[in-house]
Amino acid sequence: MLSFFGRRKPLDLDLARFCELTANEKVLNYLERVSLGEQKLPLDIATDIQECIYLSQAITSKTGFDFRTLLSAVRSGNWKAIEERLSKYNQQFQKYKESISSQLDVIIKWANEFDLPDLKQFGTMRYKETGLPRDKDKLLTLNAIHLPRKKLTYIPPEVAVLPNIKAICLANNQINELPETVFKMQNVFALDLDNNLIQSIPDEIEGMVSLTSIDLDENNINALSSKLLKLPNLRKLYLRKQKHGANFHYNNSPLSEEDQNTLARLERRENLDVYL
């Protein structure tokens, strides 16, 4: 196995780190077992294996190759096809970065306005780390926006240009609405807006087709969109302890009759838990 391509390190940083970790034969053996369904990991290498899984997801998303192909390349030392795909991806990445440079400047300016922590390292395994990178390359590879308790009053529309965001947590802030562009982020599976000032769920929500969870506990919800019923993967909807204090199902409900009907249909939906 040539973990560093002979004497040359791969140019792609994710691939270089993956090669470094899989140079450990025990890590590689367990990765192969994981690919066959193994779930129990030795404690001494569990963290390395989890990092490898995260890195492999990044590499396969860039190249289009599957996990087994990546492991075969580790065993054979033949990285030519993977490197060619990564080279094309990186060229496209740079072109995209240049095309949206001004939008990235806005995001960085917003991060500085609210004095958000400069997130140096991040990844799916570190979703709970709070902050936002100021480096444009890192912004474009960011997987999650995790900014609870940062006194945010708004989120800029430009965040929608970040292509890899899969989770957004803006809990315990002072946000009263999301920009329409956010609802076009098709890869986001978790949207946490707990304890904000949100008043409605707009029709545009149907654009977030990957959503599995929406947390709107402790807001001021007075309108629901029927488009929630069109979210194919939605499994959890949290609407508890609204700040207006009204009950959604009684005479003092802030919801219109149509919205109450939508809520009732959501509650009857299979595989969806609605928390009121």
Protein backbone atom coordinates (compact mmCIF):
# COMPACT_ATOMS: atom_id res chain seq x y z
CA MET A 1 0.00 0.00 0.00
CA LEU A 2 1.39 3.41 -1.00
CA SER A 3 -0.31 5.71 1.43
CA PHE A 4 1.49 8.77 0.15
CA PHE A 5 1.75 7.88 -3.56
CA GLY A 6 5.37 6.91 -3.22
CA ARG A 7 7.21 10.02 -2.11
CA ARG A 8 4.55 12.47 -3.22
CA LYS A 9 1.63 13.54 -1.08
CA PRO A 10 -1.75 13.94 -2.82
CA LEU A 11 -2.60 17.55 -3.58
CA ASP A 12 -6.12 17.14 -2.20
CA LEU A 13 -5.97 17.64 1.58
CA ASP A 14 -8.86 15.27 2.33
CA LEU A 15 -7.18 12.51 0.32
CA ALA A 16 -3.79 13.21 1.93
CA ARG A 17 -5.28 12.84 5.40
CA PHE A 18 -7.21 9.72 4.39
CA CYS A 19 -3.98 8.14 3.11
CA GLU A 20 -2.19 9.07 6.32
CA LEU A 21 -4.83 7.41 8.49
CA THR A 22 -5.20 4.28 6.34
CA ALA A 23 -1.43 3.72 6.44
CA ASN A 24 -2.36 2.03 9.73
CA GLU A 25 -3.26 -1.50 8.64
CA LYS A 26 -5.63 -1.97 11.58
CA VAL A 27 -7.60 1.14 10.59
CA LEU A 28 -7.84 -0.06 7.00
CA ASN A 29 -8.96 -3.55 8.05
CA TYR A 30 -11.74 -2.16 10.21
CA LEU A 31 -12.82 0.28 7.49
CA GLU A 32 -13.34 -2.71 5.22
CA ARG A 33 -15.35 -4.40 7.95
CA VAL A 34 -17.42 -1.23 8.42
CA SER A 35 -18.19 -1.27 4.68
CA LEU A 36 -19.66 -4.76 5.22
CA GLY A 37 -21.84 -3.65 8.12
CA GLU A 38 -19.56 -3.88 11.16
CA GLN A 39 -20.60 -1.38 13.85
CA LYS A 40 -18.39 -2.14 16.84
CA LEU A 41 -15.04 -0.38 16.72
CA PRO A 42 -11.91 -0.85 18.85
CA LEU A 43 -11.56 2.09 21.22
CA ASP A 44 -7.94 2.76 20.29
CA ILE A 45 -8.77 3.50 16.64
CA ALA A 46 -12.46 4.45 16.79
CA THR A 47 -11.75 8.17 16.35
CA ASP A 48 -9.46 7.50 13.37
CA ILE A 49 -12.09 5.30 11.73
CA GLN A 50 -14.80 7.90 12.23
CA GLU A 51 -12.54 10.54 10.69
CA CYS A 52 -11.85 8.21 7.76
CA ILE A 53 -15.57 7.74 7.20
CA TYR A 54 -16.09 11.51 7.17
CA LEU A 55 -13.13 11.99 4.80
CA SER A 56 -14.34 9.21 2.52
CA GLN A 57 -17.72 10.91 2.24
CA ALA A 58 -15.99 14.11 1.19
CA ILE A 59 -13.78 12.32 -1.33
CA THR A 60 -16.55 10.21 -2.86
CA SER A 61 -18.81 13.27 -3.19
CA LYS A 62 -16.04 15.03 -5.13
CA THR A 63 -15.17 12.11 -7.37
CA GLY A 64 -18.38 10.14 -7.82
CA PHE A 65 -16.61 6.92 -6.84
CA ASP A 66 -18.07 4.75 -4.09
CA PHE A 67 -16.49 3.78 -0.77
CA ARG A 68 -15.43 0.33 -1.96
CA THR A 69 -13.55 1.85 -4.91
CA LEU A 70 -11.73 4.15 -2.52
CA LEU A 71 -10.70 1.23 -0.31
CA SER A 72 -9.53 -0.73 -3.36
CA ALA A 73 -7.31 2.20 -4.33
CA VAL A 74 -5.76 2.14 -0.85
CA ARG A 75 -4.95 -1.56 -1.21
CA SER A 76 -3.61 -1.32 -4.77
CA GLY A 77 -1.89 2.05 -4.54
CA ASN A 78 -3.49 2.96 -7.89
CA TRP A 79 -4.88 6.47 -7.40
CA LYS A 80 -4.78 7.70 -11.00
CA ALA A 81 -8.54 7.75 -11.67
CA ILE A 82 -9.33 9.27 -8.28
CA GLU A 83 -6.67 11.95 -8.65
CA GLU A 84 -7.95 12.86 -12.13
CA ARG A 85 -11.49 13.30 -10.79
CA LEU A 86 -10.22 15.34 -7.84
CA SER A 87 -8.22 17.57 -10.17
CA LYS A 88 -11.34 18.32 -12.23
CA TYR A 89 -13.34 18.92 -9.07
CA ASN A 90 -10.76 21.34 -7.69
CA GLN A 91 -10.72 23.29 -10.95
CA GLN A 92 -14.51 23.64 -10.81
CA PHE A 93 -14.29 24.51 -7.11
CA GLN A 94 -11.93 27.41 -7.81
CA LYS A 95 -14.14 28.70 -10.62
CA TYR A 96 -17.19 28.57 -8.35
CA LYS A 97 -15.31 30.35 -5.56
CA GLU A 98 -14.34 33.14 -7.92
CA SER A 99 -17.90 33.49 -9.22
CA ILE A 100 -19.36 33.96 -5.72
CA SER A 101 -16.45 35.81 -4.11
CA SER A 102 -18.58 38.88 -3.35
CA GLN A 103 -21.25 36.76 -1.61
CA LEU A 104 -18.58 35.12 0.52
CA ASP A 105 -17.34 38.59 1.47
CA VAL A 106 -20.85 39.40 2.74
CA ILE A 107 -20.92 36.23 4.87
CA ILE A 108 -17.53 37.05 6.37
CA LYS A 109 -18.65 40.62 7.06
CA TRP A 110 -21.76 39.28 8.81
CA ALA A 111 -19.61 36.91 10.92
CA ASN A 112 -17.44 39.85 11.96
CA GLU A 113 -20.47 42.06 12.68
CA PHE A 114 -21.70 39.59 15.30
CA ASP A 115 -18.20 38.69 16.46
CA LEU A 116 -18.71 35.02 15.67
CA PRO A 117 -15.84 32.66 16.57
CA ASP A 118 -13.47 31.96 13.68
CA LEU A 119 -13.95 28.24 13.14
CA LYS A 120 -10.55 26.82 12.25
CA GLN A 121 -11.40 23.13 11.97
CA PHE A 122 -14.75 21.58 11.39
CA GLY A 123 -16.61 18.68 9.89
CA THR A 124 -19.64 16.47 10.34
CA MET A 125 -17.98 14.89 13.36
CA ARG A 126 -17.67 18.33 14.94
CA TYR A 127 -21.17 19.66 14.25
CA LYS A 128 -21.46 21.03 17.78
CA GLU A 129 -18.47 23.34 17.37
CA THR A 130 -19.67 26.92 17.15
CA GLY A 131 -18.34 29.48 14.72
CA LEU A 132 -17.82 30.40 11.10
CA PRO A 133 -14.58 30.25 9.07
CA ARG A 134 -13.21 33.46 7.57
CA ASP A 135 -11.23 31.54 4.95
CA LYS A 136 -13.22 31.24 1.71
CA ASP A 137 -12.06 27.71 0.89
CA LYS A 138 -13.16 26.54 4.33
CA LEU A 139 -16.47 28.36 4.02
CA LEU A 140 -17.21 26.49 0.82
CA THR A 141 -16.52 23.12 2.45
CA LEU A 142 -18.43 23.91 5.65
CA ASN A 143 -20.97 21.18 6.49
CA ALA A 144 -22.99 22.84 9.24
CA ILE A 145 -23.90 26.31 10.45
CA HIS A 146 -23.92 26.00 14.24
CA LEU A 147 -24.44 29.41 15.85
CA PRO A 148 -26.63 29.14 18.97
CA ARG A 149 -26.77 31.97 21.53
CA LYS A 150 -24.94 34.54 19.39
CA LYS A 151 -27.51 37.36 19.59
CA LEU A 152 -28.15 37.09 15.88
CA THR A 153 -30.98 39.23 14.54
CA TYR A 154 -30.75 38.00 10.96
CA ILE A 155 -29.00 35.58 8.66
CA PRO A 156 -27.77 36.92 5.30
CA PRO A 157 -29.31 35.54 2.08
CA GLU A 158 -25.80 34.83 0.82
CA VAL A 159 -25.42 31.75 3.06
CA ALA A 160 -27.36 29.85 0.39
CA VAL A 161 -24.26 29.85 -1.85
CA LEU A 162 -22.52 27.48 0.59
CA PRO A 163 -23.01 24.18 -1.24
CA ASN A 164 -22.24 21.62 1.48
CA ILE A 165 -24.42 22.81 4.38
CA LYS A 166 -26.44 19.91 5.76
CA ALA A 167 -27.50 21.25 9.15
CA ILE A 168 -28.42 24.73 10.42
CA CYS A 169 -28.64 25.50 14.13
CA LEU A 170 -29.54 29.08 15.05
CA ALA A 171 -31.21 28.30 18.38
CA ASN A 172 -31.54 30.92 21.12
CA ASN A 173 -31.13 34.00 18.95
CA GLN A 174 -33.42 36.88 17.95
CA ILE A 175 -34.23 35.99 14.35
CA ASN A 176 -37.76 36.73 13.14
CA GLU A 177 -37.52 35.26 9.65
CA LEU A 178 -35.22 33.44 7.27
CA PRO A 179 -34.36 34.81 3.82
CA GLU A 180 -36.07 33.05 0.92
CA THR A 181 -32.72 31.85 -0.40
CA VAL A 182 -32.27 29.57 2.62
CA PHE A 183 -35.33 27.59 1.55
CA LYS A 184 -33.50 26.65 -1.66
CA MET A 185 -30.79 24.76 0.26
CA GLN A 186 -31.74 21.25 -0.80
CA ASN A 187 -29.07 19.39 1.20
CA VAL A 188 -30.11 20.65 4.65
CA PHE A 189 -31.61 17.84 6.71
CA ALA A 190 -31.86 19.59 10.12
CA LEU A 191 -33.17 23.09 10.77
CA ASP A 192 -33.03 24.21 14.41
CA LEU A 193 -34.57 27.62 15.16
CA ASP A 194 -35.55 26.91 18.75
CA ASN A 195 -36.17 30.02 20.87
CA ASN A 196 -36.25 32.76 18.23
CA LEU A 197 -38.97 35.14 17.01
CA ILE A 198 -40.22 33.23 13.96
CA GLN A 199 -43.90 33.90 13.23
CA SER A 200 -44.61 31.75 10.20
CA ILE A 201 -43.47 28.87 8.05
CA PRO A 202 -43.64 30.10 4.45
CA ASP A 203 -44.56 28.14 1.33
CA GLU A 204 -40.94 28.25 0.20
CA ILE A 205 -40.16 25.58 2.83
CA GLU A 206 -41.00 22.94 0.22
CA GLY A 207 -37.64 23.67 -1.43
CA MET A 208 -35.77 22.09 1.49
CA VAL A 209 -36.53 18.59 0.25
CA SER A 210 -33.98 16.82 2.48
CA LEU A 211 -35.37 18.11 5.78
CA THR A 212 -35.92 15.40 8.37
CA SER A 213 -36.28 17.70 11.40
CA ILE A 214 -37.61 21.24 11.98
CA ASP A 215 -37.35 22.71 15.48
CA LEU A 216 -39.52 25.78 16.06
CA ASP A 217 -40.06 25.40 19.81
CA GLU A 218 -40.40 28.69 21.70
CA ASN A 219 -41.13 31.00 18.78
CA ASN A 220 -44.24 33.00 17.83
CA ILE A 221 -45.70 30.74 15.18
CA ASN A 222 -49.10 31.97 13.98
CA ALA A 223 -49.13 30.55 10.44
CA LEU A 224 -48.25 27.17 8.92
CA SER A 225 -47.78 26.40 5.25
CA SER A 226 -49.53 23.42 3.70
CA LYS A 227 -46.28 22.90 1.79
CA LEU A 228 -44.95 21.17 4.91
CA LEU A 229 -47.00 18.21 3.73
CA LYS A 230 -44.84 18.03 0.61
CA LEU A 231 -41.57 17.48 2.47
CA PRO A 232 -40.91 13.80 1.68
CA ASN A 233 -38.35 13.11 4.42
CA LEU A 234 -39.78 15.11 7.33
CA ARG A 235 -39.83 12.99 10.49
CA LYS A 236 -39.93 15.49 13.37
CA LEU A 237 -41.65 18.88 13.74
CA TYR A 238 -41.29 20.75 17.03
CA LEU A 239 -43.81 23.50 17.86
CA ARG A 240 -43.85 23.48 21.68
CA LYS A 241 -44.06 26.38 24.14
CA GLN A 242 -44.85 29.19 21.70
CA LYS A 243 -44.23 32.61 23.21
CA HIS A 244 -47.75 33.82 22.43
CA GLY A 245 -49.03 31.16 24.85
CA ALA A 246 -51.98 30.12 22.71
CA ASN A 247 -52.89 26.50 22.02
CA PHE A 248 -52.89 25.57 18.36
CA HIS A 249 -56.00 23.36 18.63
CA TYR A 250 -58.43 25.52 20.61
CA ASN A 251 -60.55 28.63 20.12
CA ASN A 252 -57.71 30.98 20.95
CA SER A 253 -55.49 29.37 18.32
CA PRO A 254 -53.47 31.91 16.30
CA LEU A 255 -53.75 29.60 13.29
CA SER A 256 -56.38 30.11 10.62
CA GLU A 257 -58.88 27.33 10.03
CA GLU A 258 -56.90 26.25 6.98
CA ASP A 259 -53.67 26.16 8.97
CA GLN A 260 -55.32 24.16 11.76
CA ASN A 261 -56.39 21.67 9.13
CA THR A 262 -52.81 21.49 7.85
CA LEU A 263 -51.59 20.83 11.38
CA ALA A 264 -54.16 18.07 11.86
CA ARG A 265 -53.05 16.43 8.61
CA LEU A 266 -49.42 16.62 9.73
CA GLU A 267 -50.32 14.94 13.02
CA ARG A 268 -52.04 12.10 11.17
CA ARG A 269 -49.15 11.57 8.80
CA GLU A 270 -47.28 8.26 9.13
CA ASN A 271 -43.62 8.42 10.13
CA LEU A 272 -43.92 12.02 11.31
CA ASP A 273 -43.83 13.06 14.98
CA VAL A 274 -45.36 16.48 15.74
CA TYR A 275 -44.53 17.92 19.16
CA LEU A 276 -46.97 20.54 20.50
